[in-house]
Amino acid sequence: MDLPGLATPPSNLTRPTPQLGAGAPGQEARVAQEFEAMVLNELFGLMFQGLSTDGPFGGGAGEAMFRPMLIQEYAKGVAASGGVGLGDAVLSEITRLQMKEGGR
């Protein structure tokens, strides 16, 4: 039994395959730094999780609401100032994959 139109998926369901090296120049370094900031954000979040904020100027709903934003900015700052080396490792891996992809 042959059903027309079922041999290939509809065009609106297919997704283009991402192409390495297709982005703007310098995009790889930005992505590597953003990835490092994301990882640092998670690690810093775990570090700050157990801190007590009691005292006359700490705690409360305001601090609970803004602490994740503060931690995110800490992570971005650390990543932008050189980070812990994770961004460099990610960037070198992206570059290696682009070279491998370009050599095909």
C-alpha atoms as a PDB file:
ATOM      1  CA  MET A   1       0.000   0.000   0.000  1.00  0.00           C
ATOM      2  CA  ASP A   2       1.524   3.286  -1.112  1.00  0.00           C
ATOM      3  CA  LEU A   3       0.519   6.394   0.810  1.00  0.00           C
ATOM      4  CA  PRO A   4       1.571   9.584  -0.929  1.00  0.00           C
ATOM      5  CA  GLY A   5       3.242  12.180   1.232  1.00  0.00           C
ATOM      6  CA  LEU A   6       4.316   9.760   3.967  1.00  0.00           C
ATOM      7  CA  ALA A   7       7.678   8.862   2.458  1.00  0.00           C
ATOM      8  CA  THR A   8       9.226  12.153   3.530  1.00  0.00           C
ATOM      9  CA  PRO A   9       8.439  14.192   6.611  1.00  0.00           C
ATOM     10  CA  PRO A  10       6.664  17.501   6.092  1.00  0.00           C
ATOM     11  CA  SER A  11       9.099  20.351   5.522  1.00  0.00           C
ATOM     12  CA  ASN A  12       7.933  22.224   8.606  1.00  0.00           C
ATOM     13  CA  LEU A  13       9.078  19.308  10.813  1.00  0.00           C
ATOM     14  CA  THR A  14      12.615  19.041   9.477  1.00  0.00           C
ATOM     15  CA  ARG A  15      15.333  21.019  11.188  1.00  0.00           C
ATOM     16  CA  PRO A  16      18.494  22.208   9.540  1.00  0.00           C
ATOM     17  CA  THR A  17      21.670  20.543  10.681  1.00  0.00           C
ATOM     18  CA  PRO A  18      23.884  23.015  12.524  1.00  0.00           C
ATOM     19  CA  GLN A  19      27.052  23.776  10.614  1.00  0.00           C
ATOM     20  CA  LEU A  20      30.248  24.278  12.559  1.00  0.00           C
ATOM     21  CA  GLY A  21      32.014  27.459  11.618  1.00  0.00           C
ATOM     22  CA  ALA A  22      28.888  28.997  10.110  1.00  0.00           C
ATOM     23  CA  GLY A  23      28.637  31.681  12.808  1.00  0.00           C
ATOM     24  CA  ALA A  24      30.109  35.139  12.924  1.00  0.00           C
ATOM     25  CA  PRO A  25      33.839  35.506  13.583  1.00  0.00           C
ATOM     26  CA  GLY A  26      34.612  35.478  17.296  1.00  0.00           C
ATOM     27  CA  GLN A  27      31.341  33.784  18.108  1.00  0.00           C
ATOM     28  CA  GLU A  28      33.170  30.687  19.323  1.00  0.00           C
ATOM     29  CA  ALA A  29      34.995  32.623  22.052  1.00  0.00           C
ATOM     30  CA  ARG A  30      31.744  34.263  23.175  1.00  0.00           C
ATOM     31  CA  VAL A  31      29.952  30.911  23.343  1.00  0.00           C
ATOM     32  CA  ALA A  32      32.834  29.338  25.293  1.00  0.00           C
ATOM     33  CA  GLN A  33      32.808  32.233  27.783  1.00  0.00           C
ATOM     34  CA  GLU A  34      29.011  32.040  28.166  1.00  0.00           C
ATOM     35  CA  PHE A  35      29.268  28.299  28.781  1.00  0.00           C
ATOM     36  CA  GLU A  36      31.903  28.834  31.455  1.00  0.00           C
ATOM     37  CA  ALA A  37      29.722  31.519  33.079  1.00  0.00           C
ATOM     38  CA  MET A  38      26.777  29.113  33.109  1.00  0.00           C
ATOM     39  CA  VAL A  39      28.822  26.386  34.806  1.00  0.00           C
ATOM     40  CA  LEU A  40      30.253  28.853  37.320  1.00  0.00           C
ATOM     41  CA  ASN A  41      26.738  30.126  38.034  1.00  0.00           C
ATOM     42  CA  GLU A  42      25.667  26.613  38.995  1.00  0.00           C
ATOM     43  CA  LEU A  43      28.767  26.094  41.151  1.00  0.00           C
ATOM     44  CA  PHE A  44      28.439  29.467  42.874  1.00  0.00           C
ATOM     45  CA  GLY A  45      24.758  28.750  43.489  1.00  0.00           C
ATOM     46  CA  LEU A  46      25.737  25.611  45.382  1.00  0.00           C
ATOM     47  CA  MET A  47      28.350  27.566  47.359  1.00  0.00           C
ATOM     48  CA  PHE A  48      25.882  30.248  48.401  1.00  0.00           C
ATOM     49  CA  GLN A  49      23.096  27.782  49.165  1.00  0.00           C
ATOM     50  CA  GLY A  50      24.252  27.102  52.701  1.00  0.00           C
ATOM     51  CA  LEU A  51      25.100  30.677  53.675  1.00  0.00           C
ATOM     52  CA  SER A  52      23.063  32.222  56.425  1.00  0.00           C
ATOM     53  CA  THR A  53      21.886  35.781  55.810  1.00  0.00           C
ATOM     54  CA  ASP A  54      20.744  36.681  59.281  1.00  0.00           C
ATOM     55  CA  GLY A  55      21.484  40.093  60.631  1.00  0.00           C
ATOM     56  CA  PRO A  56      20.135  43.596  60.526  1.00  0.00           C
ATOM     57  CA  PHE A  57      20.837  44.059  56.796  1.00  0.00           C
ATOM     58  CA  GLY A  58      20.427  40.527  55.478  1.00  0.00           C
ATOM     59  CA  GLY A  59      17.816  37.975  54.685  1.00  0.00           C
ATOM     60  CA  GLY A  60      14.215  38.377  53.799  1.00  0.00           C
ATOM     61  CA  ALA A  61      12.253  38.033  50.609  1.00  0.00           C
ATOM     62  CA  GLY A  62      14.293  40.698  48.833  1.00  0.00           C
ATOM     63  CA  GLU A  63      17.546  38.865  49.240  1.00  0.00           C
ATOM     64  CA  ALA A  64      15.968  35.567  48.266  1.00  0.00           C
ATOM     65  CA  MET A  65      14.692  37.208  45.100  1.00  0.00           C
ATOM     66  CA  PHE A  66      17.910  38.983  44.092  1.00  0.00           C
ATOM     67  CA  ARG A  67      20.580  36.512  45.211  1.00  0.00           C
ATOM     68  CA  PRO A  68      20.374  34.396  42.005  1.00  0.00           C
ATOM     69  CA  MET A  69      20.938  37.557  39.934  1.00  0.00           C
ATOM     70  CA  LEU A  70      23.934  38.516  42.056  1.00  0.00           C
ATOM     71  CA  ILE A  71      25.400  35.033  41.695  1.00  0.00           C
ATOM     72  CA  GLN A  72      24.860  35.165  37.930  1.00  0.00           C
ATOM     73  CA  GLU A  73      26.741  38.462  37.731  1.00  0.00           C
ATOM     74  CA  TYR A  74      29.568  37.027  39.850  1.00  0.00           C
ATOM     75  CA  ALA A  75      29.817  34.112  37.415  1.00  0.00           C
ATOM     76  CA  LYS A  76      29.815  36.391  34.363  1.00  0.00           C
ATOM     77  CA  GLY A  77      32.513  38.561  35.937  1.00  0.00           C
ATOM     78  CA  VAL A  78      34.762  35.621  36.760  1.00  0.00           C
ATOM     79  CA  ALA A  79      34.323  34.152  33.268  1.00  0.00           C
ATOM     80  CA  ALA A  80      35.014  37.526  31.612  1.00  0.00           C
ATOM     81  CA  SER A  81      38.218  38.015  33.612  1.00  0.00           C
ATOM     82  CA  GLY A  82      39.706  34.715  32.490  1.00  0.00           C
ATOM     83  CA  GLY A  83      37.608  32.229  34.396  1.00  0.00           C
ATOM     84  CA  VAL A  84      38.921  28.962  35.715  1.00  0.00           C
ATOM     85  CA  GLY A  85      40.112  27.555  32.386  1.00  0.00           C
ATOM     86  CA  LEU A  86      36.912  25.833  31.344  1.00  0.00           C
ATOM     87  CA  GLY A  87      36.160  28.405  28.632  1.00  0.00           C
ATOM     88  CA  ASP A  88      39.629  27.919  27.137  1.00  0.00           C
ATOM     89  CA  ALA A  89      39.142  24.150  27.036  1.00  0.00           C
ATOM     90  CA  VAL A  90      35.726  24.530  25.400  1.00  0.00           C
ATOM     91  CA  LEU A  91      37.115  27.002  22.852  1.00  0.00           C
ATOM     92  CA  SER A  92      39.979  24.694  21.906  1.00  0.00           C
ATOM     93  CA  GLU A  93      37.530  21.805  21.481  1.00  0.00           C
ATOM     94  CA  ILE A  94      35.242  23.938  19.292  1.00  0.00           C
ATOM     95  CA  THR A  95      38.259  24.963  17.199  1.00  0.00           C
ATOM     96  CA  ARG A  96      39.411  21.349  16.896  1.00  0.00           C
ATOM     97  CA  LEU A  97      35.953  20.260  15.744  1.00  0.00           C
ATOM     98  CA  GLN A  98      35.810  23.088  13.205  1.00  0.00           C
ATOM     99  CA  MET A  99      39.177  22.076  11.787  1.00  0.00           C
ATOM    100  CA  LYS A 100      38.033  18.467  11.577  1.00  0.00           C
ATOM    101  CA  GLU A 101      34.759  19.539   9.921  1.00  0.00           C
ATOM    102  CA  GLY A 102      36.616  21.773   7.463  1.00  0.00           C
ATOM    103  CA  GLY A 103      38.968  18.931   6.499  1.00  0.00           C
ATOM    104  CA  ARG A 104      36.214  16.699   5.161  1.00  0.00           C
END
